[in-house]
Amino acid sequence: MKIIKLILHVLLIAVFLFFGAMKVIGAADMVTAFESFGYADWFMRLTGTIEIIAALCLILAFWRNQLIYGGGLLILGLTVGAVYSHVFRQVSVSEAIPRL
């Protein structure tokens, strides 16, 4: 069970670092997504920065276990905002469906 927890912890860190960095550098897909939600460019970069901070909290939680709560709360806030954006701010339902 500890190995599964460790694997999930590392995957969560990797995902939030990757997508946070994509937002901070202004990748075209992220810009398009945030424009479809009607959000400003600075908000995308702020969201990316918060994602990176959350990932750093999860990394540092390997040494200071209390930091996992801070990272978890940041992720919870980001997730609530993402669900709100995809459900209520999406221009059309077809944009919410991933394309293969």
PDB file of N, CA and C in Angstrom:
ATOM      1  N   MET A   1       0.819  -1.199   0.000  1.00  0.00           N
ATOM      2  CA  MET A   1       0.000   0.000   0.000  1.00  0.00           C
ATOM      3  C   MET A   1       0.862   1.262   0.000  1.00  0.00           C
ATOM      4  N   LYS A   2       1.985   1.202   0.693  1.00  0.00           N
ATOM      5  CA  LYS A   2       2.873   2.363   0.714  1.00  0.00           C
ATOM      6  C   LYS A   2       3.437   2.666  -0.666  1.00  0.00           C
ATOM      7  N   ILE A   3       3.699   1.618  -1.434  1.00  0.00           N
ATOM      8  CA  ILE A   3       4.256   1.821  -2.776  1.00  0.00           C
ATOM      9  C   ILE A   3       3.218   2.491  -3.677  1.00  0.00           C
ATOM     10  N   ILE A   4       1.970   2.070  -3.583  1.00  0.00           N
ATOM     11  CA  ILE A   4       0.912   2.682  -4.385  1.00  0.00           C
ATOM     12  C   ILE A   4       0.747   4.149  -4.001  1.00  0.00           C
ATOM     13  N   LYS A   5       0.783   4.424  -2.708  1.00  0.00           N
ATOM     14  CA  LYS A   5       0.670   5.809  -2.230  1.00  0.00           C
ATOM     15  C   LYS A   5       1.828   6.660  -2.757  1.00  0.00           C
ATOM     16  N   LEU A   6       3.021   6.114  -2.739  1.00  0.00           N
ATOM     17  CA  LEU A   6       4.194   6.828  -3.230  1.00  0.00           C
ATOM     18  C   LEU A   6       4.078   7.089  -4.732  1.00  0.00           C
ATOM     19  N   ILE A   7       3.632   6.095  -5.491  1.00  0.00           N
ATOM     20  CA  ILE A   7       3.482   6.253  -6.943  1.00  0.00           C
ATOM     21  C   ILE A   7       2.450   7.336  -7.256  1.00  0.00           C
ATOM     22  N   LEU A   8       1.307   7.299  -6.579  1.00  0.00           N
ATOM     23  CA  LEU A   8       0.284   8.316  -6.796  1.00  0.00           C
ATOM     24  C   LEU A   8       0.770   9.708  -6.394  1.00  0.00           C
ATOM     25  N   HIS A   9       1.532   9.791  -5.325  1.00  0.00           N
ATOM     26  CA  HIS A   9       2.094  11.059  -4.858  1.00  0.00           C
ATOM     27  C   HIS A   9       3.004  11.648  -5.936  1.00  0.00           C
ATOM     28  N   VAL A  10       3.888  10.829  -6.473  1.00  0.00           N
ATOM     29  CA  VAL A  10       4.832  11.290  -7.497  1.00  0.00           C
ATOM     30  C   VAL A  10       4.101  11.658  -8.784  1.00  0.00           C
ATOM     31  N   LEU A  11       3.092  10.878  -9.174  1.00  0.00           N
ATOM     32  CA  LEU A  11       2.320  11.207 -10.382  1.00  0.00           C
ATOM     33  C   LEU A  11       1.577  12.528 -10.228  1.00  0.00           C
ATOM     34  N   LEU A  12       1.015  12.767  -9.056  1.00  0.00           N
ATOM     35  CA  LEU A  12       0.320  14.026  -8.807  1.00  0.00           C
ATOM     36  C   LEU A  12       1.292  15.204  -8.893  1.00  0.00           C
ATOM     37  N   ILE A  13       2.467  15.035  -8.336  1.00  0.00           N
ATOM     38  CA  ILE A  13       3.493  16.083  -8.421  1.00  0.00           C
ATOM     39  C   ILE A  13       3.842  16.356  -9.884  1.00  0.00           C
ATOM     40  N   ALA A  14       4.069  15.297 -10.646  1.00  0.00           N
ATOM     41  CA  ALA A  14       4.457  15.460 -12.054  1.00  0.00           C
ATOM     42  C   ALA A  14       3.375  16.165 -12.861  1.00  0.00           C
ATOM     43  N   VAL A  15       2.117  15.784 -12.647  1.00  0.00           N
ATOM     44  CA  VAL A  15       1.016  16.383 -13.398  1.00  0.00           C
ATOM     45  C   VAL A  15       0.886  17.867 -13.083  1.00  0.00           C
ATOM     46  N   PHE A  16       0.934  18.212 -11.791  1.00  0.00           N
ATOM     47  CA  PHE A  16       0.767  19.618 -11.428  1.00  0.00           C
ATOM     48  C   PHE A  16       1.971  20.452 -11.840  1.00  0.00           C
ATOM     49  N   LEU A  17       3.177  19.911 -11.788  1.00  0.00           N
ATOM     50  CA  LEU A  17       4.340  20.655 -12.282  1.00  0.00           C
ATOM     51  C   LEU A  17       4.243  20.882 -13.792  1.00  0.00           C
ATOM     52  N   PHE A  18       3.848  19.840 -14.526  1.00  0.00           N
ATOM     53  CA  PHE A  18       3.774  19.951 -15.977  1.00  0.00           C
ATOM     54  C   PHE A  18       2.727  20.979 -16.407  1.00  0.00           C
ATOM     55  N   PHE A  19       1.496  20.801 -15.918  1.00  0.00           N
ATOM     56  CA  PHE A  19       0.436  21.709 -16.358  1.00  0.00           C
ATOM     57  C   PHE A  19       0.602  23.111 -15.773  1.00  0.00           C
ATOM     58  N   GLY A  20       1.181  23.221 -14.591  1.00  0.00           N
ATOM     59  CA  GLY A  20       1.477  24.541 -14.044  1.00  0.00           C
ATOM     60  C   GLY A  20       2.498  25.274 -14.903  1.00  0.00           C
ATOM     61  N   ALA A  21       3.535  24.556 -15.319  1.00  0.00           N
ATOM     62  CA  ALA A  21       4.559  25.161 -16.178  1.00  0.00           C
ATOM     63  C   ALA A  21       3.968  25.546 -17.535  1.00  0.00           C
ATOM     64  N   MET A  22       3.073  24.715 -18.067  1.00  0.00           N
ATOM     65  CA  MET A  22       2.434  25.032 -19.351  1.00  0.00           C
ATOM     66  C   MET A  22       1.630  26.328 -19.254  1.00  0.00           C
ATOM     67  N   LYS A  23       0.992  26.556 -18.126  1.00  0.00           N
ATOM     68  CA  LYS A  23       0.214  27.785 -17.947  1.00  0.00           C
ATOM     69  C   LYS A  23       1.130  28.990 -17.750  1.00  0.00           C
ATOM     70  N   VAL A  24       2.184  28.823 -16.987  1.00  0.00           N
ATOM     71  CA  VAL A  24       3.090  29.943 -16.715  1.00  0.00           C
ATOM     72  C   VAL A  24       3.804  30.393 -17.982  1.00  0.00           C
ATOM     73  N   ILE A  25       4.235  29.448 -18.821  1.00  0.00           N
ATOM     74  CA  ILE A  25       4.939  29.839 -20.049  1.00  0.00           C
ATOM     75  C   ILE A  25       3.977  30.272 -21.146  1.00  0.00           C
ATOM     76  N   GLY A  26       2.675  30.005 -20.966  1.00  0.00           N
ATOM     77  CA  GLY A  26       1.681  30.455 -21.943  1.00  0.00           C
ATOM     78  C   GLY A  26       1.577  29.564 -23.160  1.00  0.00           C
ATOM     79  N   ALA A  27       1.528  28.257 -22.953  1.00  0.00           N
ATOM     80  CA  ALA A  27       1.375  27.320 -24.064  1.00  0.00           C
ATOM     81  C   ALA A  27       0.056  27.591 -24.796  1.00  0.00           C
ATOM     82  N   ALA A  28       0.070  27.381 -26.102  1.00  0.00           N
ATOM     83  CA  ALA A  28      -1.072  27.727 -26.948  1.00  0.00           C
ATOM     84  C   ALA A  28      -2.360  27.037 -26.504  1.00  0.00           C
ATOM     85  N   ASP A  29      -2.277  25.759 -26.123  1.00  0.00           N
ATOM     86  CA  ASP A  29      -3.483  25.040 -25.679  1.00  0.00           C
ATOM     87  C   ASP A  29      -4.069  25.662 -24.423  1.00  0.00           C
ATOM     88  N   MET A  30      -3.204  26.068 -23.510  1.00  0.00           N
ATOM     89  CA  MET A  30      -3.686  26.677 -22.267  1.00  0.00           C
ATOM     90  C   MET A  30      -4.304  28.048 -22.530  1.00  0.00           C
ATOM     91  N   VAL A  31      -3.672  28.811 -23.405  1.00  0.00           N
ATOM     92  CA  VAL A  31      -4.214  30.133 -23.749  1.00  0.00           C
ATOM     93  C   VAL A  31      -5.592  29.976 -24.370  1.00  0.00           C
ATOM     94  N   THR A  32      -5.737  29.033 -25.289  1.00  0.00           N
ATOM     95  CA  THR A  32      -7.028  28.787 -25.930  1.00  0.00           C
ATOM     96  C   THR A  32      -8.083  28.379 -24.908  1.00  0.00           C
ATOM     97  N   ALA A  33      -7.712  27.492 -23.994  1.00  0.00           N
ATOM     98  CA  ALA A  33      -8.659  27.035 -22.971  1.00  0.00           C
ATOM     99  C   ALA A  33      -9.107  28.187 -22.089  1.00  0.00           C
ATOM    100  N   PHE A  34      -8.175  28.989 -21.612  1.00  0.00           N
ATOM    101  CA  PHE A  34      -8.537  30.086 -20.718  1.00  0.00           C
ATOM    102  C   PHE A  34      -9.317  31.174 -21.451  1.00  0.00           C
ATOM    103  N   GLU A  35      -9.025  31.376 -22.737  1.00  0.00           N
ATOM    104  CA  GLU A  35      -9.819  32.328 -23.519  1.00  0.00           C
ATOM    105  C   GLU A  35     -11.252  31.821 -23.703  1.00  0.00           C
ATOM    106  N   SER A  36     -11.414  30.502 -23.864  1.00  0.00           N
ATOM    107  CA  SER A  36     -12.767  29.960 -24.026  1.00  0.00           C
ATOM    108  C   SER A  36     -13.571  30.084 -22.737  1.00  0.00           C
ATOM    109  N   PHE A  37     -12.883  30.141 -21.601  1.00  0.00           N
ATOM    110  CA  PHE A  37     -13.566  30.351 -20.320  1.00  0.00           C
ATOM    111  C   PHE A  37     -13.849  31.834 -20.077  1.00  0.00           C
ATOM    112  N   GLY A  38     -13.207  32.690 -20.839  1.00  0.00           N
ATOM    113  CA  GLY A  38     -13.385  34.128 -20.650  1.00  0.00           C
ATOM    114  C   GLY A  38     -12.474  34.704 -19.573  1.00  0.00           C
ATOM    115  N   TYR A  39     -11.375  34.022 -19.282  1.00  0.00           N
ATOM    116  CA  TYR A  39     -10.434  34.489 -18.263  1.00  0.00           C
ATOM    117  C   TYR A  39      -9.280  35.256 -18.902  1.00  0.00           C
ATOM    118  N   ALA A  40      -8.700  36.156 -18.137  1.00  0.00           N
ATOM    119  CA  ALA A  40      -7.566  36.951 -18.610  1.00  0.00           C
ATOM    120  C   ALA A  40      -6.277  36.129 -18.568  1.00  0.00           C
ATOM    121  N   ASP A  41      -5.285  36.608 -19.309  1.00  0.00           N
ATOM    122  CA  ASP A  41      -3.990  35.943 -19.379  1.00  0.00           C
ATOM    123  C   ASP A  41      -3.306  35.890 -18.017  1.00  0.00           C
ATOM    124  N   TRP A  42      -3.424  36.958 -17.238  1.00  0.00           N
ATOM    125  CA  TRP A  42      -2.774  36.977 -15.926  1.00  0.00           C
ATOM    126  C   TRP A  42      -3.371  35.922 -15.000  1.00  0.00           C
ATOM    127  N   PHE A  43      -4.659  35.603 -15.170  1.00  0.00           N
ATOM    128  CA  PHE A  43      -5.293  34.596 -14.325  1.00  0.00           C
ATOM    129  C   PHE A  43      -4.763  33.201 -14.654  1.00  0.00           C
ATOM    130  N   MET A  44      -4.476  32.958 -15.931  1.00  0.00           N
ATOM    131  CA  MET A  44      -3.886  31.681 -16.330  1.00  0.00           C
ATOM    132  C   MET A  44      -2.514  31.510 -15.684  1.00  0.00           C
ATOM    133  N   ARG A  45      -1.716  32.570 -15.720  1.00  0.00           N
ATOM    134  CA  ARG A  45      -0.379  32.491 -15.122  1.00  0.00           C
ATOM    135  C   ARG A  45      -0.451  32.351 -13.598  1.00  0.00           C
ATOM    136  N   LEU A  46      -1.417  33.011 -12.974  1.00  0.00           N
ATOM    137  CA  LEU A  46      -1.619  32.865 -11.530  1.00  0.00           C
ATOM    138  C   LEU A  46      -2.004  31.431 -11.181  1.00  0.00           C
ATOM    139  N   THR A  47      -2.907  30.858 -11.967  1.00  0.00           N
ATOM    140  CA  THR A  47      -3.324  29.478 -11.744  1.00  0.00           C
ATOM    141  C   THR A  47      -2.135  28.530 -11.897  1.00  0.00           C
ATOM    142  N   GLY A  48      -1.324  28.742 -12.908  1.00  0.00           N
ATOM    143  CA  GLY A  48      -0.130  27.921 -13.104  1.00  0.00           C
ATOM    144  C   GLY A  48       0.852  28.042 -11.956  1.00  0.00           C
ATOM    145  N   THR A  49       1.017  29.259 -11.454  1.00  0.00           N
ATOM    146  CA  THR A  49       1.922  29.469 -10.315  1.00  0.00           C
ATOM    147  C   THR A  49       1.409  28.744  -9.071  1.00  0.00           C
ATOM    148  N   ILE A  50       0.103  28.800  -8.852  1.00  0.00           N
ATOM    149  CA  ILE A  50      -0.475  28.094  -7.702  1.00  0.00           C
ATOM    150  C   ILE A  50      -0.299  26.588  -7.865  1.00  0.00           C
ATOM    151  N   GLU A  51      -0.443  26.077  -9.079  1.00  0.00           N
ATOM    152  CA  GLU A  51      -0.226  24.647  -9.325  1.00  0.00           C
ATOM    153  C   GLU A  51       1.212  24.256  -9.015  1.00  0.00           C
ATOM    154  N   ILE A  52       2.161  25.086  -9.407  1.00  0.00           N
ATOM    155  CA  ILE A  52       3.572  24.791  -9.134  1.00  0.00           C
ATOM    156  C   ILE A  52       3.840  24.845  -7.631  1.00  0.00           C
ATOM    157  N   ILE A  53       3.268  25.816  -6.931  1.00  0.00           N
ATOM    158  CA  ILE A  53       3.439  25.908  -5.481  1.00  0.00           C
ATOM    159  C   ILE A  53       2.844  24.678  -4.801  1.00  0.00           C
ATOM    160  N   ALA A  54       1.673  24.223  -5.274  1.00  0.00           N
ATOM    161  CA  ALA A  54       1.060  23.023  -4.712  1.00  0.00           C
ATOM    162  C   ALA A  54       1.962  21.812  -4.925  1.00  0.00           C
ATOM    163  N   ALA A  55       2.542  21.697  -6.110  1.00  0.00           N
ATOM    164  CA  ALA A  55       3.452  20.583  -6.383  1.00  0.00           C
ATOM    165  C   ALA A  55       4.696  20.664  -5.503  1.00  0.00           C
ATOM    166  N   LEU A  56       5.224  21.865  -5.291  1.00  0.00           N
ATOM    167  CA  LEU A  56       6.387  22.016  -4.405  1.00  0.00           C
ATOM    168  C   LEU A  56       6.051  21.638  -2.971  1.00  0.00           C
ATOM    169  N   CYS A  57       4.833  21.981  -2.529  1.00  0.00           N
ATOM    170  CA  CYS A  57       4.401  21.560  -1.192  1.00  0.00           C
ATOM    171  C   CYS A  57       4.371  20.040  -1.091  1.00  0.00           C
ATOM    172  N   LEU A  58       3.901  19.389  -2.158  1.00  0.00           N
ATOM    173  CA  LEU A  58       3.859  17.928  -2.148  1.00  0.00           C
ATOM    174  C   LEU A  58       5.253  17.317  -2.193  1.00  0.00           C
ATOM    175  N   ILE A  59       6.174  17.968  -2.874  1.00  0.00           N
ATOM    176  CA  ILE A  59       7.566  17.493  -2.884  1.00  0.00           C
ATOM    177  C   ILE A  59       8.173  17.640  -1.492  1.00  0.00           C
ATOM    178  N   LEU A  60       8.009  18.810  -0.898  1.00  0.00           N
ATOM    179  CA  LEU A  60       8.576  19.056   0.429  1.00  0.00           C
ATOM    180  C   LEU A  60       7.900  18.223   1.516  1.00  0.00           C
ATOM    181  N   ALA A  61       6.711  17.714   1.230  1.00  0.00           N
ATOM    182  CA  ALA A  61       6.003  16.878   2.197  1.00  0.00           C
ATOM    183  C   ALA A  61       6.729  15.564   2.460  1.00  0.00           C
ATOM    184  N   PHE A  62       7.650  15.178   1.582  1.00  0.00           N
ATOM    185  CA  PHE A  62       8.461  13.988   1.847  1.00  0.00           C
ATOM    186  C   PHE A  62       9.325  14.192   3.093  1.00  0.00           C
ATOM    187  N   TRP A  63       9.694  15.454   3.384  1.00  0.00           N
ATOM    188  CA  TRP A  63      10.529  15.749   4.548  1.00  0.00           C
ATOM    189  C   TRP A  63       9.749  16.391   5.688  1.00  0.00           C
ATOM    190  N   ARG A  64       8.785  17.234   5.364  1.00  0.00           N
ATOM    191  CA  ARG A  64       7.945  17.901   6.361  1.00  0.00           C
ATOM    192  C   ARG A  64       6.504  17.507   6.098  1.00  0.00           C
ATOM    193  N   ASN A  65       6.033  16.494   6.778  1.00  0.00           N
ATOM    194  CA  ASN A  65       4.741  15.900   6.484  1.00  0.00           C
ATOM    195  C   ASN A  65       3.582  16.893   6.560  1.00  0.00           C
ATOM    196  N   GLN A  66       3.705  17.946   7.347  1.00  0.00           N
ATOM    197  CA  GLN A  66       2.613  18.917   7.495  1.00  0.00           C
ATOM    198  C   GLN A  66       2.328  19.668   6.198  1.00  0.00           C
ATOM    199  N   LEU A  67       3.303  19.777   5.319  1.00  0.00           N
ATOM    200  CA  LEU A  67       3.115  20.521   4.074  1.00  0.00           C
ATOM    201  C   LEU A  67       2.147  19.841   3.116  1.00  0.00           C
ATOM    202  N   ILE A  68       1.882  18.579   3.341  1.00  0.00           N
ATOM    203  CA  ILE A  68       0.943  17.892   2.459  1.00  0.00           C
ATOM    204  C   ILE A  68      -0.455  18.481   2.580  1.00  0.00           C
ATOM    205  N   TYR A  69      -0.787  19.016   3.755  1.00  0.00           N
ATOM    206  CA  TYR A  69      -2.099  19.633   3.948  1.00  0.00           C
ATOM    207  C   TYR A  69      -2.220  20.937   3.163  1.00  0.00           C
ATOM    208  N   GLY A  70      -1.168  21.736   3.152  1.00  0.00           N
ATOM    209  CA  GLY A  70      -1.176  22.970   2.373  1.00  0.00           C
ATOM    210  C   GLY A  70      -1.290  22.682   0.883  1.00  0.00           C
ATOM    211  N   GLY A  71      -0.502  21.717   0.404  1.00  0.00           N
ATOM    212  CA  GLY A  71      -0.574  21.343  -1.007  1.00  0.00           C
ATOM    213  C   GLY A  71      -1.936  20.779  -1.362  1.00  0.00           C
ATOM    214  N   GLY A  72      -2.494  19.980  -0.461  1.00  0.00           N
ATOM    215  CA  GLY A  72      -3.817  19.405  -0.704  1.00  0.00           C
ATOM    216  C   GLY A  72      -4.907  20.461  -0.763  1.00  0.00           C
ATOM    217  N   LEU A  73      -4.824  21.463   0.109  1.00  0.00           N
ATOM    218  CA  LEU A  73      -5.816  22.543   0.089  1.00  0.00           C
ATOM    219  C   LEU A  73      -5.713  23.370  -1.194  1.00  0.00           C
ATOM    220  N   LEU A  74      -4.483  23.611  -1.648  1.00  0.00           N
ATOM    221  CA  LEU A  74      -4.313  24.332  -2.914  1.00  0.00           C
ATOM    222  C   LEU A  74      -4.906  23.538  -4.074  1.00  0.00           C
ATOM    223  N   ILE A  75      -4.655  22.228  -4.085  1.00  0.00           N
ATOM    224  CA  ILE A  75      -5.192  21.370  -5.141  1.00  0.00           C
ATOM    225  C   ILE A  75      -6.713  21.326  -5.079  1.00  0.00           C
ATOM    226  N   LEU A  76      -7.266  21.286  -3.876  1.00  0.00           N
ATOM    227  CA  LEU A  76      -8.722  21.304  -3.718  1.00  0.00           C
ATOM    228  C   LEU A  76      -9.311  22.585  -4.313  1.00  0.00           C
ATOM    229  N   GLY A  77      -8.703  23.729  -4.005  1.00  0.00           N
ATOM    230  CA  GLY A  77      -9.180  24.995  -4.556  1.00  0.00           C
ATOM    231  C   GLY A  77      -9.070  25.042  -6.068  1.00  0.00           C
ATOM    232  N   LEU A  78      -7.958  24.548  -6.601  1.00  0.00           N
ATOM    233  CA  LEU A  78      -7.784  24.512  -8.054  1.00  0.00           C
ATOM    234  C   LEU A  78      -8.817  23.602  -8.719  1.00  0.00           C
ATOM    235  N   THR A  79      -9.100  22.480  -8.081  1.00  0.00           N
ATOM    236  CA  THR A  79     -10.053  21.532  -8.642  1.00  0.00           C
ATOM    237  C   THR A  79     -11.467  22.111  -8.657  1.00  0.00           C
ATOM    238  N   VAL A  80     -11.858  22.782  -7.571  1.00  0.00           N
ATOM    239  CA  VAL A  80     -13.175  23.414  -7.530  1.00  0.00           C
ATOM    240  C   VAL A  80     -13.280  24.468  -8.637  1.00  0.00           C
ATOM    241  N   GLY A  81     -12.231  25.269  -8.800  1.00  0.00           N
ATOM    242  CA  GLY A  81     -12.222  26.277  -9.858  1.00  0.00           C
ATOM    243  C   GLY A  81     -12.263  25.665 -11.247  1.00  0.00           C
ATOM    244  N   ALA A  82     -11.560  24.558 -11.446  1.00  0.00           N
ATOM    245  CA  ALA A  82     -11.553  23.898 -12.757  1.00  0.00           C
ATOM    246  C   ALA A  82     -12.927  23.319 -13.083  1.00  0.00           C
ATOM    247  N   VAL A  83     -13.572  22.695 -12.098  1.00  0.00           N
ATOM    248  CA  VAL A  83     -14.913  22.142 -12.331  1.00  0.00           C
ATOM    249  C   VAL A  83     -15.888  23.265 -12.648  1.00  0.00           C
ATOM    250  N   TYR A  84     -15.819  24.347 -11.892  1.00  0.00           N
ATOM    251  CA  TYR A  84     -16.681  25.507 -12.166  1.00  0.00           C
ATOM    252  C   TYR A  84     -16.463  26.017 -13.588  1.00  0.00           C
ATOM    253  N   SER A  85     -15.197  26.163 -13.983  1.00  0.00           N
ATOM    254  CA  SER A  85     -14.891  26.697 -15.310  1.00  0.00           C
ATOM    255  C   SER A  85     -15.411  25.791 -16.414  1.00  0.00           C
ATOM    256  N   HIS A  86     -15.221  24.485 -16.263  1.00  0.00           N
ATOM    257  CA  HIS A  86     -15.640  23.554 -17.302  1.00  0.00           C
ATOM    258  C   HIS A  86     -17.160  23.400 -17.370  1.00  0.00           C
ATOM    259  N   VAL A  87     -17.838  23.562 -16.249  1.00  0.00           N
ATOM    260  CA  VAL A  87     -19.289  23.379 -16.246  1.00  0.00           C
ATOM    261  C   VAL A  87     -20.029  24.669 -16.588  1.00  0.00           C
ATOM    262  N   PHE A  88     -19.595  25.787 -16.011  1.00  0.00           N
ATOM    263  CA  PHE A  88     -20.372  27.019 -16.134  1.00  0.00           C
ATOM    264  C   PHE A  88     -19.771  28.068 -17.062  1.00  0.00           C
ATOM    265  N   ARG A  89     -18.473  28.034 -17.332  1.00  0.00           N
ATOM    266  CA  ARG A  89     -17.844  29.093 -18.130  1.00  0.00           C
ATOM    267  C   ARG A  89     -17.482  28.647 -19.538  1.00  0.00           C
ATOM    268  N   GLN A  90     -17.664  27.380 -19.844  1.00  0.00           N
ATOM    269  CA  GLN A  90     -17.340  26.850 -21.167  1.00  0.00           C
ATOM    270  C   GLN A  90     -18.268  27.495 -22.199  1.00  0.00           C
ATOM    271  N   VAL A  91     -17.733  27.858 -23.346  1.00  0.00           N
ATOM    272  CA  VAL A  91     -18.528  28.488 -24.379  1.00  0.00           C
ATOM    273  C   VAL A  91     -19.581  27.532 -24.910  1.00  0.00           C
ATOM    274  N   SER A  92     -19.195  26.282 -25.165  1.00  0.00           N
ATOM    275  CA  SER A  92     -20.151  25.278 -25.637  1.00  0.00           C
ATOM    276  C   SER A  92     -19.818  23.932 -25.022  1.00  0.00           C
ATOM    277  N   VAL A  93     -20.794  23.078 -24.974  1.00  0.00           N
ATOM    278  CA  VAL A  93     -20.587  21.746 -24.388  1.00  0.00           C
ATOM    279  C   VAL A  93     -19.586  20.952 -25.201  1.00  0.00           C
ATOM    280  N   SER A  94     -19.573  21.139 -26.508  1.00  0.00           N
ATOM    281  CA  SER A  94     -18.660  20.374 -27.369  1.00  0.00           C
ATOM    282  C   SER A  94     -17.200  20.676 -27.044  1.00  0.00           C
ATOM    283  N   GLU A  95     -16.906  21.861 -26.504  1.00  0.00           N
ATOM    284  CA  GLU A  95     -15.536  22.188 -26.131  1.00  0.00           C
ATOM    285  C   GLU A  95     -15.102  21.454 -24.875  1.00  0.00           C
ATOM    286  N   ALA A  96     -16.038  21.029 -24.055  1.00  0.00           N
ATOM    287  CA  ALA A  96     -15.710  20.336 -22.814  1.00  0.00           C
ATOM    288  C   ALA A  96     -15.346  18.867 -23.075  1.00  0.00           C
ATOM    289  N   ILE A  97     -15.701  18.349 -24.243  1.00  0.00           N
ATOM    290  CA  ILE A  97     -15.436  16.955 -24.570  1.00  0.00           C
ATOM    291  C   ILE A  97     -14.048  16.854 -25.197  1.00  0.00           C
ATOM    292  N   PRO A  98     -13.164  16.047 -24.605  1.00  0.00           N
ATOM    293  CA  PRO A  98     -11.808  15.907 -25.183  1.00  0.00           C
ATOM    294  C   PRO A  98     -11.847  15.289 -26.570  1.00  0.00           C
ATOM    295  N   ARG A  99     -10.997  15.780 -27.436  1.00  0.00           N
ATOM    296  CA  ARG A  99     -10.898  15.239 -28.797  1.00  0.00           C
ATOM    297  C   ARG A  99      -9.687  14.319 -28.879  1.00  0.00           C
ATOM    298  N   LEU A 100      -9.867  13.236 -29.578  1.00  0.00           N
ATOM    299  CA  LEU A 100      -8.763  12.287 -29.741  1.00  0.00           C
ATOM    300  C   LEU A 100      -8.050  12.490 -31.045  1.00  0.00           C
TER     301      LEU A 100
END
